[in-house]
Amino acid sequence: MSQKAYQQLDESHGDITIGDLYPELSSKQQADAEYRLLGYLSIAKRIFGRVCRDHPEILTELEERATLRKNGSFKPIQ
């Protein structure tokens, strides 16, 4: 889904459902996709929590890199 299509969907519906993202799937397939997505998000949340707790300096470095990229001044090491 393109960024523009995603924005239009977000503006028109507010909350986006699995059915909005995958209208061609059956109800059972949509339920399975939602279950898998929620499992993935749960894992990502646990990883983020562990990094916050054990290595907060990594988040500071990532934030600095993101800011540099956004400003166009990030030069990767070659």
PDB file of N, CA and C in Angstrom:
ATOM      1  N   MET A   1       0.856  -1.175   0.000  1.00  0.00           N
ATOM      2  CA  MET A   1       0.000   0.000   0.000  1.00  0.00           C
ATOM      3  C   MET A   1       0.899   1.235   0.000  1.00  0.00           C
ATOM      4  N   SER A   2       0.609   2.158  -0.896  1.00  0.00           N
ATOM      5  CA  SER A   2       1.413   3.370  -0.985  1.00  0.00           C
ATOM      6  C   SER A   2       1.142   4.277   0.215  1.00  0.00           C
ATOM      7  N   GLN A   3       2.075   5.166   0.462  1.00  0.00           N
ATOM      8  CA  GLN A   3       1.936   6.106   1.573  1.00  0.00           C
ATOM      9  C   GLN A   3       0.695   6.979   1.377  1.00  0.00           C
ATOM     10  N   LYS A   4       0.454   7.390   0.136  1.00  0.00           N
ATOM     11  CA  LYS A   4      -0.716   8.234  -0.145  1.00  0.00           C
ATOM     12  C   LYS A   4      -2.017   7.474   0.125  1.00  0.00           C
ATOM     13  N   ALA A   5      -2.079   6.218  -0.320  1.00  0.00           N
ATOM     14  CA  ALA A   5      -3.266   5.399  -0.083  1.00  0.00           C
ATOM     15  C   ALA A   5      -3.469   5.171   1.409  1.00  0.00           C
ATOM     16  N   TYR A   6      -2.384   4.951   2.124  1.00  0.00           N
ATOM     17  CA  TYR A   6      -2.465   4.754   3.568  1.00  0.00           C
ATOM     18  C   TYR A   6      -3.005   6.007   4.241  1.00  0.00           C
ATOM     19  N   GLN A   7      -2.517   7.183   3.840  1.00  0.00           N
ATOM     20  CA  GLN A   7      -2.992   8.439   4.435  1.00  0.00           C
ATOM     21  C   GLN A   7      -4.477   8.639   4.160  1.00  0.00           C
ATOM     22  N   GLN A   8      -4.907   8.369   2.933  1.00  0.00           N
ATOM     23  CA  GLN A   8      -6.316   8.526   2.591  1.00  0.00           C
ATOM     24  C   GLN A   8      -7.177   7.580   3.407  1.00  0.00           C
ATOM     25  N   LEU A   9      -6.717   6.351   3.570  1.00  0.00           N
ATOM     26  CA  LEU A   9      -7.448   5.372   4.355  1.00  0.00           C
ATOM     27  C   LEU A   9      -7.522   5.813   5.809  1.00  0.00           C
ATOM     28  N   ASP A  10      -6.412   6.308   6.328  1.00  0.00           N
ATOM     29  CA  ASP A  10      -6.356   6.753   7.717  1.00  0.00           C
ATOM     30  C   ASP A  10      -7.283   7.945   7.944  1.00  0.00           C
ATOM     31  N   GLU A  11      -7.289   8.879   7.017  1.00  0.00           N
ATOM     32  CA  GLU A  11      -8.128  10.075   7.158  1.00  0.00           C
ATOM     33  C   GLU A  11      -9.610   9.746   7.034  1.00  0.00           C
ATOM     34  N   SER A  12      -9.940   8.802   6.173  1.00  0.00           N
ATOM     35  CA  SER A  12     -11.350   8.507   5.945  1.00  0.00           C
ATOM     36  C   SER A  12     -11.948   7.600   7.015  1.00  0.00           C
ATOM     37  N   HIS A  13     -11.151   6.721   7.607  1.00  0.00           N
ATOM     38  CA  HIS A  13     -11.676   5.758   8.560  1.00  0.00           C
ATOM     39  C   HIS A  13     -11.275   6.006  10.018  1.00  0.00           C
ATOM     40  N   GLY A  14     -10.210   6.703  10.249  1.00  0.00           N
ATOM     41  CA  GLY A  14      -9.706   6.810  11.619  1.00  0.00           C
ATOM     42  C   GLY A  14      -8.874   5.583  11.923  1.00  0.00           C
ATOM     43  N   ASP A  15      -9.493   4.549  12.473  1.00  0.00           N
ATOM     44  CA  ASP A  15      -8.780   3.303  12.755  1.00  0.00           C
ATOM     45  C   ASP A  15      -8.768   2.426  11.514  1.00  0.00           C
ATOM     46  N   ILE A  16      -7.631   1.810  11.260  1.00  0.00           N
ATOM     47  CA  ILE A  16      -7.482   0.919  10.113  1.00  0.00           C
ATOM     48  C   ILE A  16      -7.590  -0.512  10.607  1.00  0.00           C
ATOM     49  N   THR A  17      -8.378  -1.306   9.923  1.00  0.00           N
ATOM     50  CA  THR A  17      -8.552  -2.707  10.311  1.00  0.00           C
ATOM     51  C   THR A  17      -7.789  -3.613   9.349  1.00  0.00           C
ATOM     52  N   ILE A  18      -7.624  -4.860   9.748  1.00  0.00           N
ATOM     53  CA  ILE A  18      -6.999  -5.844   8.873  1.00  0.00           C
ATOM     54  C   ILE A  18      -7.826  -5.973   7.590  1.00  0.00           C
ATOM     55  N   GLY A  19      -9.142  -5.899   7.712  1.00  0.00           N
ATOM     56  CA  GLY A  19     -10.010  -5.960   6.540  1.00  0.00           C
ATOM     57  C   GLY A  19      -9.754  -4.826   5.563  1.00  0.00           C
ATOM     58  N   ASP A  20      -9.390  -3.636   6.078  1.00  0.00           N
ATOM     59  CA  ASP A  20      -9.045  -2.514   5.211  1.00  0.00           C
ATOM     60  C   ASP A  20      -7.752  -2.800   4.446  1.00  0.00           C
ATOM     61  N   LEU A  21      -6.806  -3.419   5.135  1.00  0.00           N
ATOM     62  CA  LEU A  21      -5.511  -3.701   4.530  1.00  0.00           C
ATOM     63  C   LEU A  21      -5.550  -4.870   3.561  1.00  0.00           C
ATOM     64  N   TYR A  22      -6.341  -5.875   3.902  1.00  0.00           N
ATOM     65  CA  TYR A  22      -6.400  -7.104   3.106  1.00  0.00           C
ATOM     66  C   TYR A  22      -7.846  -7.483   2.785  1.00  0.00           C
ATOM     67  N   PRO A  23      -8.537  -6.675   1.982  1.00  0.00           N
ATOM     68  CA  PRO A  23      -9.949  -6.961   1.703  1.00  0.00           C
ATOM     69  C   PRO A  23     -10.150  -8.252   0.905  1.00  0.00           C
ATOM     70  N   GLU A  24      -9.122  -8.716   0.209  1.00  0.00           N
ATOM     71  CA  GLU A  24      -9.252  -9.919  -0.610  1.00  0.00           C
ATOM     72  C   GLU A  24      -9.193 -11.211   0.201  1.00  0.00           C
ATOM     73  N   LEU A  25      -8.790 -11.125   1.475  1.00  0.00           N
ATOM     74  CA  LEU A  25      -8.699 -12.315   2.317  1.00  0.00           C
ATOM     75  C   LEU A  25     -10.060 -12.678   2.907  1.00  0.00           C
ATOM     76  N   SER A  26     -10.247 -13.949   3.183  1.00  0.00           N
ATOM     77  CA  SER A  26     -11.468 -14.394   3.862  1.00  0.00           C
ATOM     78  C   SER A  26     -11.434 -13.925   5.316  1.00  0.00           C
ATOM     79  N   SER A  27     -12.552 -14.017   6.002  1.00  0.00           N
ATOM     80  CA  SER A  27     -12.619 -13.624   7.418  1.00  0.00           C
ATOM     81  C   SER A  27     -11.622 -14.425   8.252  1.00  0.00           C
ATOM     82  N   LYS A  28     -11.529 -15.706   7.970  1.00  0.00           N
ATOM     83  CA  LYS A  28     -10.597 -16.562   8.707  1.00  0.00           C
ATOM     84  C   LYS A  28      -9.144 -16.136   8.447  1.00  0.00           C
ATOM     85  N   GLN A  29      -8.819 -15.829   7.198  1.00  0.00           N
ATOM     86  CA  GLN A  29      -7.464 -15.387   6.863  1.00  0.00           C
ATOM     87  C   GLN A  29      -7.157 -14.034   7.495  1.00  0.00           C
ATOM     88  N   GLN A  30      -8.147 -13.153   7.530  1.00  0.00           N
ATOM     89  CA  GLN A  30      -7.952 -11.853   8.180  1.00  0.00           C
ATOM     90  C   GLN A  30      -7.716 -12.032   9.673  1.00  0.00           C
ATOM     91  N   ALA A  31      -8.469 -12.931  10.305  1.00  0.00           N
ATOM     92  CA  ALA A  31      -8.285 -13.193  11.735  1.00  0.00           C
ATOM     93  C   ALA A  31      -6.890 -13.754  11.991  1.00  0.00           C
ATOM     94  N   ASP A  32      -6.425 -14.643  11.121  1.00  0.00           N
ATOM     95  CA  ASP A  32      -5.084 -15.206  11.261  1.00  0.00           C
ATOM     96  C   ASP A  32      -4.027 -14.119  11.094  1.00  0.00           C
ATOM     97  N   ALA A  33      -4.201 -13.233  10.103  1.00  0.00           N
ATOM     98  CA  ALA A  33      -3.258 -12.137   9.876  1.00  0.00           C
ATOM     99  C   ALA A  33      -3.215 -11.210  11.094  1.00  0.00           C
ATOM    100  N   GLU A  34      -4.377 -10.920  11.667  1.00  0.00           N
ATOM    101  CA  GLU A  34      -4.423 -10.051  12.843  1.00  0.00           C
ATOM    102  C   GLU A  34      -3.734 -10.711  14.033  1.00  0.00           C
ATOM    103  N   TYR A  35      -3.971 -11.994  14.229  1.00  0.00           N
ATOM    104  CA  TYR A  35      -3.333 -12.745  15.314  1.00  0.00           C
ATOM    105  C   TYR A  35      -1.812 -12.698  15.168  1.00  0.00           C
ATOM    106  N   ARG A  36      -1.332 -12.931  13.958  1.00  0.00           N
ATOM    107  CA  ARG A  36       0.119 -12.919  13.722  1.00  0.00           C
ATOM    108  C   ARG A  36       0.694 -11.521  13.921  1.00  0.00           C
ATOM    109  N   LEU A  37      -0.009 -10.495  13.467  1.00  0.00           N
ATOM    110  CA  LEU A  37       0.455  -9.123  13.637  1.00  0.00           C
ATOM    111  C   LEU A  37       0.532  -8.762  15.116  1.00  0.00           C
ATOM    112  N   LEU A  38      -0.480  -9.116  15.875  1.00  0.00           N
ATOM    113  CA  LEU A  38      -0.460  -8.815  17.311  1.00  0.00           C
ATOM    114  C   LEU A  38       0.669  -9.564  18.020  1.00  0.00           C
ATOM    115  N   GLY A  39       0.954 -10.783  17.589  1.00  0.00           N
ATOM    116  CA  GLY A  39       2.083 -11.528  18.148  1.00  0.00           C
ATOM    117  C   GLY A  39       3.403 -10.839  17.845  1.00  0.00           C
ATOM    118  N   TYR A  40       3.554 -10.387  16.613  1.00  0.00           N
ATOM    119  CA  TYR A  40       4.759  -9.669  16.216  1.00  0.00           C
ATOM    120  C   TYR A  40       4.912  -8.384  17.035  1.00  0.00           C
ATOM    121  N   LEU A  41       3.841  -7.634  17.185  1.00  0.00           N
ATOM    122  CA  LEU A  41       3.898  -6.392  17.950  1.00  0.00           C
ATOM    123  C   LEU A  41       4.228  -6.647  19.415  1.00  0.00           C
ATOM    124  N   SER A  42       3.738  -7.741  19.964  1.00  0.00           N
ATOM    125  CA  SER A  42       4.050  -8.108  21.340  1.00  0.00           C
ATOM    126  C   SER A  42       5.546  -8.364  21.500  1.00  0.00           C
ATOM    127  N   ILE A  43       6.128  -9.076  20.541  1.00  0.00           N
ATOM    128  CA  ILE A  43       7.569  -9.340  20.584  1.00  0.00           C
ATOM    129  C   ILE A  43       8.357  -8.044  20.457  1.00  0.00           C
ATOM    130  N   ALA A  44       7.962  -7.183  19.517  1.00  0.00           N
ATOM    131  CA  ALA A  44       8.647  -5.904  19.323  1.00  0.00           C
ATOM    132  C   ALA A  44       8.567  -5.051  20.589  1.00  0.00           C
ATOM    133  N   LYS A  45       7.421  -5.067  21.262  1.00  0.00           N
ATOM    134  CA  LYS A  45       7.252  -4.296  22.496  1.00  0.00           C
ATOM    135  C   LYS A  45       8.168  -4.827  23.599  1.00  0.00           C
ATOM    136  N   ARG A  46       8.283  -6.153  23.699  1.00  0.00           N
ATOM    137  CA  ARG A  46       9.173  -6.736  24.714  1.00  0.00           C
ATOM    138  C   ARG A  46      10.635  -6.397  24.428  1.00  0.00           C
ATOM    139  N   ILE A  47      11.022  -6.446  23.158  1.00  0.00           N
ATOM    140  CA  ILE A  47      12.398  -6.088  22.788  1.00  0.00           C
ATOM    141  C   ILE A  47      12.661  -4.630  23.134  1.00  0.00           C
ATOM    142  N   PHE A  48      11.734  -3.753  22.776  1.00  0.00           N
ATOM    143  CA  PHE A  48      11.895  -2.331  23.074  1.00  0.00           C
ATOM    144  C   PHE A  48      12.003  -2.099  24.575  1.00  0.00           C
ATOM    145  N   GLY A  49      11.155  -2.756  25.354  1.00  0.00           N
ATOM    146  CA  GLY A  49      11.210  -2.615  26.803  1.00  0.00           C
ATOM    147  C   GLY A  49      12.536  -3.070  27.379  1.00  0.00           C
ATOM    148  N   ARG A  50      13.050  -4.169  26.857  1.00  0.00           N
ATOM    149  CA  ARG A  50      14.337  -4.676  27.337  1.00  0.00           C
ATOM    150  C   ARG A  50      15.476  -3.730  26.982  1.00  0.00           C
ATOM    151  N   VAL A  51      15.445  -3.174  25.763  1.00  0.00           N
ATOM    152  CA  VAL A  51      16.475  -2.216  25.367  1.00  0.00           C
ATOM    153  C   VAL A  51      16.383  -0.967  26.241  1.00  0.00           C
ATOM    154  N   CYS A  52      15.175  -0.482  26.488  1.00  0.00           N
ATOM    155  CA  CYS A  52      14.992   0.693  27.357  1.00  0.00           C
ATOM    156  C   CYS A  52      15.571   0.447  28.745  1.00  0.00           C
ATOM    157  N   ARG A  53      15.333  -0.739  29.257  1.00  0.00           N
ATOM    158  CA  ARG A  53      15.770  -1.071  30.608  1.00  0.00           C
ATOM    159  C   ARG A  53      17.275  -1.336  30.679  1.00  0.00           C
ATOM    160  N   ASP A  54      17.797  -2.140  29.749  1.00  0.00           N
ATOM    161  CA  ASP A  54      19.178  -2.600  29.858  1.00  0.00           C
ATOM    162  C   ASP A  54      20.199  -1.745  29.119  1.00  0.00           C
ATOM    163  N   HIS A  55      19.781  -1.079  28.048  1.00  0.00           N
ATOM    164  CA  HIS A  55      20.732  -0.316  27.223  1.00  0.00           C
ATOM    165  C   HIS A  55      20.112   0.985  26.700  1.00  0.00           C
ATOM    166  N   PRO A  56      19.721   1.894  27.564  1.00  0.00           N
ATOM    167  CA  PRO A  56      19.066   3.120  27.097  1.00  0.00           C
ATOM    168  C   PRO A  56      19.966   3.975  26.197  1.00  0.00           C
ATOM    169  N   GLU A  57      21.276   3.789  26.304  1.00  0.00           N
ATOM    170  CA  GLU A  57      22.189   4.567  25.465  1.00  0.00           C
ATOM    171  C   GLU A  57      22.001   4.244  23.981  1.00  0.00           C
ATOM    172  N   ILE A  58      21.554   3.028  23.682  1.00  0.00           N
ATOM    173  CA  ILE A  58      21.295   2.659  22.294  1.00  0.00           C
ATOM    174  C   ILE A  58      20.170   3.521  21.717  1.00  0.00           C
ATOM    175  N   LEU A  59      19.150   3.781  22.512  1.00  0.00           N
ATOM    176  CA  LEU A  59      18.035   4.604  22.036  1.00  0.00           C
ATOM    177  C   LEU A  59      18.481   6.031  21.763  1.00  0.00           C
ATOM    178  N   THR A  60      19.375   6.544  22.612  1.00  0.00           N
ATOM    179  CA  THR A  60      19.897   7.890  22.408  1.00  0.00           C
ATOM    180  C   THR A  60      20.668   7.956  21.099  1.00  0.00           C
ATOM    181  N   GLU A  61      21.482   6.944  20.838  1.00  0.00           N
ATOM    182  CA  GLU A  61      22.250   6.910  19.591  1.00  0.00           C
ATOM    183  C   GLU A  61      21.327   6.804  18.372  1.00  0.00           C
ATOM    184  N   LEU A  62      20.316   5.955  18.457  1.00  0.00           N
ATOM    185  CA  LEU A  62      19.375   5.817  17.342  1.00  0.00           C
ATOM    186  C   LEU A  62      18.616   7.118  17.090  1.00  0.00           C
ATOM    187  N   GLU A  63      18.241   7.799  18.160  1.00  0.00           N
ATOM    188  CA  GLU A  63      17.540   9.072  18.007  1.00  0.00           C
ATOM    189  C   GLU A  63      18.441  10.109  17.337  1.00  0.00           C
ATOM    190  N   GLU A  64      19.710  10.130  17.728  1.00  0.00           N
ATOM    191  CA  GLU A  64      20.654  11.070  17.114  1.00  0.00           C
ATOM    192  C   GLU A  64      20.832  10.759  15.629  1.00  0.00           C
ATOM    193  N   ARG A  65      20.945   9.485  15.295  1.00  0.00           N
ATOM    194  CA  ARG A  65      21.094   9.101  13.891  1.00  0.00           C
ATOM    195  C   ARG A  65      19.847   9.465  13.084  1.00  0.00           C
ATOM    196  N   ALA A  66      18.671   9.236  13.660  1.00  0.00           N
ATOM    197  CA  ALA A  66      17.423   9.571  12.964  1.00  0.00           C
ATOM    198  C   ALA A  66      17.333  11.074  12.708  1.00  0.00           C
ATOM    199  N   THR A  67      17.750  11.865  13.673  1.00  0.00           N
ATOM    200  CA  THR A  67      17.741  13.320  13.516  1.00  0.00           C
ATOM    201  C   THR A  67      18.696  13.740  12.410  1.00  0.00           C
ATOM    202  N   LEU A  68      19.878  13.129  12.392  1.00  0.00           N
ATOM    203  CA  LEU A  68      20.847  13.453  11.351  1.00  0.00           C
ATOM    204  C   LEU A  68      20.321  13.065   9.966  1.00  0.00           C
ATOM    205  N   ARG A  69      19.689  11.901   9.870  1.00  0.00           N
ATOM    206  CA  ARG A  69      19.126  11.469   8.587  1.00  0.00           C
ATOM    207  C   ARG A  69      18.029  12.428   8.132  1.00  0.00           C
ATOM    208  N   LYS A  70      17.184  12.813   9.075  1.00  0.00           N
ATOM    209  CA  LYS A  70      16.077  13.715   8.752  1.00  0.00           C
ATOM    210  C   LYS A  70      16.607  15.050   8.230  1.00  0.00           C
ATOM    211  N   ASN A  71      17.710  15.511   8.826  1.00  0.00           N
ATOM    212  CA  ASN A  71      18.308  16.781   8.422  1.00  0.00           C
ATOM    213  C   ASN A  71      19.201  16.635   7.193  1.00  0.00           C
ATOM    214  N   GLY A  72      19.437  15.399   6.745  1.00  0.00           N
ATOM    215  CA  GLY A  72      20.258  15.167   5.569  1.00  0.00           C
ATOM    216  C   GLY A  72      21.734  15.232   5.819  1.00  0.00           C
ATOM    217  N   SER A  73      22.168  15.238   7.082  1.00  0.00           N
ATOM    218  CA  SER A  73      23.595  15.355   7.378  1.00  0.00           C
ATOM    219  C   SER A  73      24.225  14.059   7.855  1.00  0.00           C
ATOM    220  N   PHE A  74      23.467  12.944   7.794  1.00  0.00           N
ATOM    221  CA  PHE A  74      24.003  11.658   8.211  1.00  0.00           C
ATOM    222  C   PHE A  74      24.855  11.063   7.112  1.00  0.00           C
ATOM    223  N   LYS A  75      26.091  10.735   7.420  1.00  0.00           N
ATOM    224  CA  LYS A  75      27.001  10.109   6.473  1.00  0.00           C
ATOM    225  C   LYS A  75      27.408   8.749   7.030  1.00  0.00           C
ATOM    226  N   PRO A  76      26.909   7.642   6.418  1.00  0.00           N
ATOM    227  CA  PRO A  76      27.270   6.330   6.924  1.00  0.00           C
ATOM    228  C   PRO A  76      28.755   6.055   6.754  1.00  0.00           C
ATOM    229  N   ILE A  77      29.294   5.237   7.654  1.00  0.00           N
ATOM    230  CA  ILE A  77      30.699   4.839   7.601  1.00  0.00           C
ATOM    231  C   ILE A  77      30.876   3.887   6.432  1.00  0.00           C
ATOM    232  N   GLN A  78      31.921   4.125   5.637  1.00  0.00           N
ATOM    233  CA  GLN A  78      32.185   3.254   4.482  1.00  0.00           C
ATOM    234  C   GLN A  78      33.460   2.468   4.675  1.00  0.00           C
TER     235      GLN A  78
END
